[in-house]
N, C-alpha and C. Protein backbone atom coordinates (compact mmCIF):
# COMPACT_ATOMS: atom_id res chain seq x y z
N UNK A 1 23.97 18.76 21.21
CA UNK A 1 23.54 19.50 22.37
C UNK A 1 21.97 19.15 22.65
N UNK A 2 21.65 18.42 24.15
CA UNK A 2 20.29 17.51 24.34
C UNK A 2 19.19 18.97 23.88
N UNK A 3 18.01 18.43 23.46
CA UNK A 3 16.74 19.33 23.27
C UNK A 3 16.50 20.40 24.68
N UNK A 4 17.01 19.28 26.25
CA UNK A 4 16.92 20.11 27.56
C UNK A 4 17.99 21.57 27.77
N UNK A 5 18.93 21.50 26.62
CA UNK A 5 19.95 22.12 27.16
C UNK A 5 19.78 23.78 26.13
N UNK A 6 18.70 23.53 25.47
CA UNK A 6 18.46 24.94 24.23
C UNK A 6 17.46 25.57 25.78
N UNK A 7 17.94 26.54 25.93
CA UNK A 7 17.24 27.94 26.82
C UNK A 7 16.91 29.03 25.93
N UNK A 8 15.92 29.10 25.57
CA UNK A 8 14.84 30.62 25.27
C UNK A 8 15.41 31.96 26.28
N UNK A 9 16.05 32.45 25.42
CA UNK A 9 16.11 33.74 25.84
C UNK A 9 15.19 34.68 26.16
N UNK A 10 15.02 35.85 27.15
CA UNK A 10 14.18 36.54 27.13
C UNK A 10 14.26 37.98 26.38
N UNK A 11 13.71 38.60 26.28
CA UNK A 11 14.09 39.87 25.57
C UNK A 11 14.85 40.70 25.49
N UNK A 12 15.57 40.95 26.88
CA UNK A 12 16.40 41.68 27.26
C UNK A 12 17.72 41.07 26.77
N UNK A 13 17.70 39.63 27.24
CA UNK A 13 19.18 38.85 26.75
C UNK A 13 19.24 38.71 25.16
N UNK A 14 17.89 38.87 24.50
CA UNK A 14 18.12 38.96 22.97
C UNK A 14 19.07 40.09 22.73
N UNK A 15 18.49 41.14 23.39
CA UNK A 15 18.55 42.72 22.59
C UNK A 15 20.20 42.96 22.93
N UNK A 16 20.54 42.16 23.79
CA UNK A 16 21.66 42.22 24.49
C UNK A 16 22.91 41.73 23.70
N UNK A 17 22.37 40.15 23.21
CA UNK A 17 23.36 39.40 22.79
C UNK A 17 23.13 39.87 21.29
N UNK A 18 22.14 40.49 20.68
CA UNK A 18 22.32 41.12 19.37
C UNK A 18 23.72 42.09 19.02
N UNK A 19 23.14 43.00 20.08
CA UNK A 19 23.96 44.06 20.13
C UNK A 19 25.35 43.69 20.21
N UNK A 20 25.83 42.85 21.04
CA UNK A 20 27.04 42.57 21.16
C UNK A 20 27.64 41.61 20.44
N UNK A 21 26.91 40.94 19.28
CA UNK A 21 27.66 39.85 18.91
C UNK A 21 27.03 39.73 17.12
N UNK A 22 25.90 40.59 16.89
CA UNK A 22 25.49 40.19 15.63
C UNK A 22 25.18 41.72 15.24
N UNK A 23 25.65 41.72 13.65
CA UNK A 23 25.48 43.46 13.06
C UNK A 23 24.44 43.12 12.03
N UNK A 24 23.70 44.29 12.63
CA UNK A 24 22.31 44.47 11.82
C UNK A 24 21.39 43.69 11.77
N UNK A 25 21.47 43.23 12.58
CA UNK A 25 20.37 42.31 13.05
C UNK A 25 19.21 42.76 14.35
N UNK A 26 17.75 42.57 13.99
CA UNK A 26 17.11 43.09 14.92
C UNK A 26 16.42 42.24 15.58
N UNK A 27 15.69 42.07 16.68
CA UNK A 27 14.66 41.71 17.46
C UNK A 27 13.16 42.09 17.54
N UNK A 28 12.17 41.57 17.08
CA UNK A 28 10.72 42.15 16.94
C UNK A 28 10.28 41.84 17.66
N UNK A 29 10.15 40.86 18.30
CA UNK A 29 9.23 40.10 19.90
C UNK A 29 9.07 38.79 19.54
N UNK A 30 9.36 38.40 18.32
CA UNK A 30 9.24 36.79 17.78
C UNK A 30 10.44 36.13 17.22
N UNK A 31 11.11 37.20 16.37
CA UNK A 31 12.19 36.03 15.57
C UNK A 31 13.44 37.19 15.60
N UNK A 32 14.78 36.91 15.31
CA UNK A 32 15.55 37.52 15.16
C UNK A 32 15.82 37.79 13.84
N UNK A 33 16.06 39.16 13.09
CA UNK A 33 15.87 38.99 11.63
C UNK A 33 16.63 40.02 11.09
N UNK A 34 16.87 40.11 9.70
CA UNK A 34 17.92 40.74 8.96
C UNK A 34 17.56 40.97 7.64
N UNK A 35 17.93 42.22 6.98
CA UNK A 35 17.55 42.14 5.52
C UNK A 35 19.18 41.93 4.84
N UNK A 36 19.05 41.17 3.93
CA UNK A 36 20.43 41.21 2.93
C UNK A 36 20.17 41.78 1.67
N UNK A 37 20.71 43.51 1.31
CA UNK A 37 20.42 43.68 -0.19
C UNK A 37 21.14 43.65 -1.11
N UNK A 38 20.83 42.81 -1.78
CA UNK A 38 21.37 42.57 -2.98
C UNK A 38 21.58 43.20 -4.33
N UNK A 39 22.13 42.87 -5.58
CA UNK A 39 21.72 44.11 -6.49
C UNK A 39 20.96 43.72 -7.64
N UNK A 40 20.52 42.40 -7.78
CA UNK A 40 19.18 41.65 -8.51
C UNK A 40 18.57 40.80 -8.44
N UNK A 41 17.85 39.92 -9.39
CA UNK A 41 17.42 38.90 -8.93
C UNK A 41 18.47 37.96 -8.50
N UNK A 42 19.82 38.04 -9.66
CA UNK A 42 20.15 36.92 -9.46
C UNK A 42 21.23 36.78 -8.06
N UNK A 43 21.20 38.06 -7.81
CA UNK A 43 21.91 37.95 -6.40
C UNK A 43 21.11 37.78 -5.22
N UNK A 44 19.72 37.80 -5.30
CA UNK A 44 18.91 37.12 -4.76
C UNK A 44 18.93 35.74 -4.39
N UNK A 45 18.81 35.10 -5.63
CA UNK A 45 18.80 33.66 -5.56
C UNK A 45 20.07 33.18 -4.71
N UNK A 46 21.23 33.63 -5.11
CA UNK A 46 22.91 33.27 -4.27
C UNK A 46 22.36 33.21 -3.04
N UNK A 47 22.08 34.57 -2.41
CA UNK A 47 21.89 34.58 -0.96
C UNK A 47 20.87 33.21 -0.96
N UNK A 48 19.71 33.10 -1.20
CA UNK A 48 18.52 32.14 -0.51
C UNK A 48 19.35 30.71 -0.72
N UNK A 49 20.22 30.59 -1.65
CA UNK A 49 20.75 29.21 -1.82
C UNK A 49 21.92 29.36 -0.91
N UNK A 50 22.76 30.05 -0.49
CA UNK A 50 23.76 30.05 0.46
C UNK A 50 22.96 29.82 2.12
N UNK A 51 22.25 30.62 2.20
CA UNK A 51 21.17 30.42 3.55
C UNK A 51 20.90 29.30 3.59
N UNK A 52 20.49 28.41 2.50
CA UNK A 52 19.97 26.80 2.49
C UNK A 52 20.86 25.95 2.83
N UNK A 53 21.87 26.41 1.97
CA UNK A 53 22.66 25.48 2.40
C UNK A 53 23.35 25.34 3.56
N UNK A 54 23.39 26.24 4.21
CA UNK A 54 23.62 26.66 5.41
C UNK A 54 22.93 25.71 6.95
N UNK A 55 21.71 26.50 6.31
CA UNK A 55 20.77 25.97 7.59
C UNK A 55 20.30 24.44 7.34
N UNK A 56 20.40 23.85 6.21
CA UNK A 56 20.36 22.40 6.13
C UNK A 56 21.14 21.74 6.71
N UNK A 57 22.55 22.27 6.72
CA UNK A 57 23.58 21.46 7.32
C UNK A 57 23.79 21.67 8.67
N UNK A 58 23.46 22.81 9.37
CA UNK A 58 22.84 23.19 10.73
C UNK A 58 21.93 22.51 11.32
N UNK A 59 20.70 22.04 9.87
CA UNK A 59 19.32 21.33 10.38
C UNK A 59 18.94 22.29 11.33
N UNK A 60 18.91 23.81 11.25
CA UNK A 60 17.96 24.72 11.96
C UNK A 60 17.75 25.37 10.58
N UNK A 61 16.45 25.65 10.35
CA UNK A 61 15.56 26.13 9.03
C UNK A 61 14.76 27.73 9.20
N UNK A 62 15.46 28.35 8.96
CA UNK A 62 14.84 29.78 9.05
C UNK A 62 13.58 29.92 8.17
N UNK A 63 13.06 31.31 8.12
CA UNK A 63 12.08 32.04 7.23
C UNK A 63 12.49 32.60 6.29
N UNK A 64 12.41 32.80 5.24
CA UNK A 64 12.36 34.06 3.93
C UNK A 64 11.68 34.21 3.88
N UNK A 65 11.89 35.90 3.26
CA UNK A 65 11.30 36.45 2.52
C UNK A 65 12.14 37.03 1.27
N UNK A 66 11.83 37.14 0.12
CA UNK A 66 12.59 37.29 -1.24
C UNK A 66 12.21 38.37 -1.99
N UNK A 67 12.71 39.43 -2.59
CA UNK A 67 12.03 39.77 -3.41
C UNK A 67 13.38 40.17 -4.35
N UNK A 68 13.06 40.96 -5.18
CA UNK A 68 14.23 41.31 -6.39
C UNK A 68 15.55 41.67 -6.07
N UNK A 69 15.60 42.55 -5.06
CA UNK A 69 16.94 43.17 -4.30
C UNK A 69 17.14 43.07 -2.90
N UNK A 70 15.98 41.94 -2.49
CA UNK A 70 16.64 41.57 -0.97
C UNK A 70 16.31 40.03 -0.63
N UNK A 71 16.83 39.89 0.92
CA UNK A 71 16.31 38.31 0.94
C UNK A 71 16.42 38.96 2.65
N UNK A 72 15.22 38.53 3.04
CA UNK A 72 15.19 39.02 4.67
C UNK A 72 15.09 36.83 5.26
N UNK A 73 16.07 37.28 6.56
CA UNK A 73 16.25 36.07 6.75
C UNK A 73 16.04 36.30 8.32
N UNK A 74 14.85 35.41 8.27
CA UNK A 74 14.02 35.07 10.46
C UNK A 74 14.65 33.97 10.71
N UNK A 75 14.73 34.34 11.88
CA UNK A 75 15.18 33.35 12.65
C UNK A 75 14.58 33.16 14.33
N UNK A 76 13.96 31.55 14.45
CA UNK A 76 13.41 31.49 15.61
C UNK A 76 13.60 29.90 15.88
N UNK A 77 13.56 29.23 17.15
CA UNK A 77 13.64 27.81 17.11
C UNK A 77 11.86 27.67 17.14
N UNK A 78 11.46 26.61 16.32
CA UNK A 78 10.35 26.50 16.14
C UNK A 78 9.84 25.72 17.48
N UNK A 79 10.16 24.75 17.32
CA UNK A 79 10.03 23.85 18.55
C UNK A 79 9.90 24.60 20.17
N UNK A 80 11.07 25.43 20.42
CA UNK A 80 10.66 26.33 21.77
C UNK A 80 10.17 27.44 21.66
N UNK A 81 9.74 27.79 20.40
CA UNK A 81 8.66 28.88 20.29
C UNK A 81 9.65 30.20 20.61
N UNK A 82 10.70 30.37 20.77
CA UNK A 82 11.89 31.87 21.18
C UNK A 82 12.85 31.21 20.30
N UNK A 83 13.72 32.28 20.96
CA UNK A 83 15.09 32.21 20.56
C UNK A 83 16.12 31.58 21.29
N UNK A 84 16.93 31.08 20.79
CA UNK A 84 17.97 29.97 21.51
C UNK A 84 19.27 30.19 21.17
N UNK A 85 19.75 29.85 21.48
CA UNK A 85 21.57 29.37 20.79
C UNK A 85 21.44 29.06 19.55
N UNK A 86 20.37 27.94 19.07
CA UNK A 86 20.61 27.83 17.43
C UNK A 86 20.53 29.24 17.05
N UNK A 87 19.51 29.98 17.18
CA UNK A 87 19.19 31.06 16.28
C UNK A 87 20.49 32.12 16.34
N UNK A 88 20.99 32.32 17.38
CA UNK A 88 22.43 33.23 17.22
C UNK A 88 23.67 32.59 16.43
N UNK A 89 23.94 31.19 16.84
CA UNK A 89 24.61 31.01 16.01
C UNK A 89 24.58 30.37 14.20
N UNK A 90 23.69 29.88 14.01
CA UNK A 90 23.34 30.33 12.46
C UNK A 90 23.31 31.40 11.70
N UNK A 91 22.99 32.38 12.70
CA UNK A 91 22.97 34.21 12.33
C UNK A 91 24.41 33.89 12.02
N UNK A 92 24.99 34.14 12.91
CA UNK A 92 26.76 34.57 12.61
C UNK A 92 27.07 33.62 12.00
N UNK A 93 26.90 32.30 11.26
CA UNK A 93 27.37 31.44 9.93
C UNK A 93 27.02 32.32 9.13
N UNK A 94 25.24 32.55 8.94
CA UNK A 94 24.84 33.23 7.79
C UNK A 94 25.83 34.74 7.25
N UNK A 95 25.64 35.28 8.43
CA UNK A 95 26.62 36.55 8.02
C UNK A 95 28.14 36.20 7.80
N UNK A 96 28.87 35.03 8.36
CA UNK A 96 29.90 34.78 7.80
C UNK A 96 30.44 34.65 6.37
N UNK A 97 29.38 34.12 6.23
CA UNK A 97 29.67 33.23 4.36
C UNK A 97 29.13 34.41 3.02
N UNK A 98 27.62 34.95 4.02
CA UNK A 98 27.18 35.71 2.89
C UNK A 98 28.20 36.77 2.50
N UNK A 99 28.04 37.58 3.75
CA UNK A 99 29.23 39.01 3.62
C UNK A 99 30.21 38.85 3.49
N UNK A 100 30.75 37.61 3.58
CA UNK A 100 32.54 37.36 3.06
C UNK A 100 32.86 38.14 1.74
N UNK A 101 33.81 39.02 2.13
CA UNK A 101 33.79 40.31 0.66
C UNK A 101 35.65 39.67 0.79
N UNK A 102 36.44 39.14 -0.36
CA UNK A 102 37.31 39.07 -0.17
C UNK A 102 38.26 40.14 -0.72
N UNK A 103 37.52 41.00 -1.54
CA UNK A 103 38.54 42.26 -1.41
C UNK A 103 38.69 42.78 -0.27
N UNK A 104 38.09 42.95 1.00
CA UNK A 104 38.74 43.95 1.95
C UNK A 104 39.47 42.72 2.90
N UNK A 105 39.53 41.45 2.31
CA UNK A 105 40.95 40.82 3.09
C UNK A 105 42.21 41.05 1.83
N UNK A 106 43.43 40.33 2.63
CA UNK A 106 44.77 40.64 2.17
C UNK A 106 44.77 39.32 1.56
N UNK A 107 43.99 38.99 0.47
CA UNK A 107 43.81 37.77 -0.27
C UNK A 107 44.19 38.25 -1.89
N UNK A 108 44.31 37.02 -2.40
CA UNK A 108 44.41 36.87 -3.87
C UNK A 108 43.20 36.99 -4.25
N UNK A 109 42.67 36.33 -4.10
CA UNK A 109 41.04 36.50 -4.57
C UNK A 109 40.65 38.01 -4.38
N UNK A 110 39.80 38.40 -5.66
CA UNK A 110 39.54 39.93 -5.83
C UNK A 110 38.09 40.08 -5.39
N UNK A 111 37.30 39.32 -5.55
CA UNK A 111 35.91 40.15 -4.94
C UNK A 111 35.22 40.11 -6.13
N UNK A 112 34.07 40.20 -6.32
CA UNK A 112 33.25 40.55 -7.13
C UNK A 112 33.50 42.23 -7.33
N UNK A 113 33.38 42.18 -9.00
CA UNK A 113 33.69 43.81 -9.57
C UNK A 113 32.21 44.73 -8.71
N UNK A 114 32.16 46.16 -8.41
CA UNK A 114 31.68 46.66 -7.98
C UNK A 114 30.36 47.11 -8.95
N UNK A 115 31.23 47.07 -10.34
CA UNK A 115 29.71 47.37 -11.43
C UNK A 115 28.49 45.99 -10.90
N UNK A 116 27.61 46.74 -11.23
CA UNK A 116 26.22 46.06 -10.39
C UNK A 116 25.87 45.07 -11.69
N UNK A 117 26.39 45.09 -12.62
CA UNK A 117 25.83 43.83 -12.96
C UNK A 117 26.92 42.85 -13.15
N UNK A 118 27.71 42.39 -12.24
CA UNK A 118 28.28 41.49 -11.49
C UNK A 118 28.31 41.14 -10.07
N UNK A 119 27.86 42.59 -9.65
CA UNK A 119 28.13 42.69 -7.90
C UNK A 119 26.41 41.78 -7.69
N UNK A 120 27.03 41.03 -6.69
CA UNK A 120 25.46 40.33 -6.02
C UNK A 120 24.77 41.07 -4.71
N UNK A 121 25.90 41.35 -3.67
CA UNK A 121 25.40 41.68 -2.29
C UNK A 121 26.10 42.92 -2.16
N UNK A 122 25.00 43.86 -1.50
CA UNK A 122 25.65 44.89 -1.01
C UNK A 122 26.15 45.15 0.41
N UNK A 123 27.40 45.12 0.74
CA UNK A 123 27.90 44.91 1.80
C UNK A 123 27.98 46.02 2.82
């Protein structure tokens, strides 16, 4: 995609895309953002590393806020000073990977135990 093909969405378009395409993301007038709740610092670091890997692979970098039991991801296309397809596409990929729960699927993988000593993300 060339730089010319990256259109900045207006506020109404952003809110509509969020409501149709993203769960628990919000638009604050500048960023699309989501808070991922974790069980502990260990879970927080795992989310940060996952988001970091996906962002680097996509070459699109969010701002992150980290605390003991949450990570907040803030997306905006910095050089466009607005929200573009890059932000929506990365938000979807972050959700797909961070919120993947094998126990919710018909898989042999059981997922992390519900015991907070082992669980890392709050689904």
